[in-house]
């Protein structure tokens, strides 16, 4: 079992930045691929980013490339999502997730690739 707790969301003006954190319980954090997803009101949850077990590889949705940066600190059992140049369309609940499949599998860009989910943190971007 892995318990994930996100933090760092809030209300921010367009153009601003936020850093989300996701703290994981357990001693096997480094064995999981970590992903970030978001869900805007009335929309389905969508993939945002994922990071490999070591943190050496990342993959982003096209819609966030260049503005979002995913990183992890395995010593702290924490994964981060740095979000810059925020836009109103980034308004959503952001979720972190842990999965045990291969980083390169396309499934890891879908909800099915992940076994554990956090409760989410809200980001609201005002124009």
Foldseek 3Di string as FASTA:
>chain_A
DKAKAKDWADEEAAQAKIKMKIAIDDLCLLQWKKFKWWDDPPGDIFGAKIAHSVRPDMDGDPVQPPFWDWGDDSVRRMIMIIGGRDDQVVWTWMKMFIARDDPPDPCVRDPVRGDDIYPTDTHGYHD
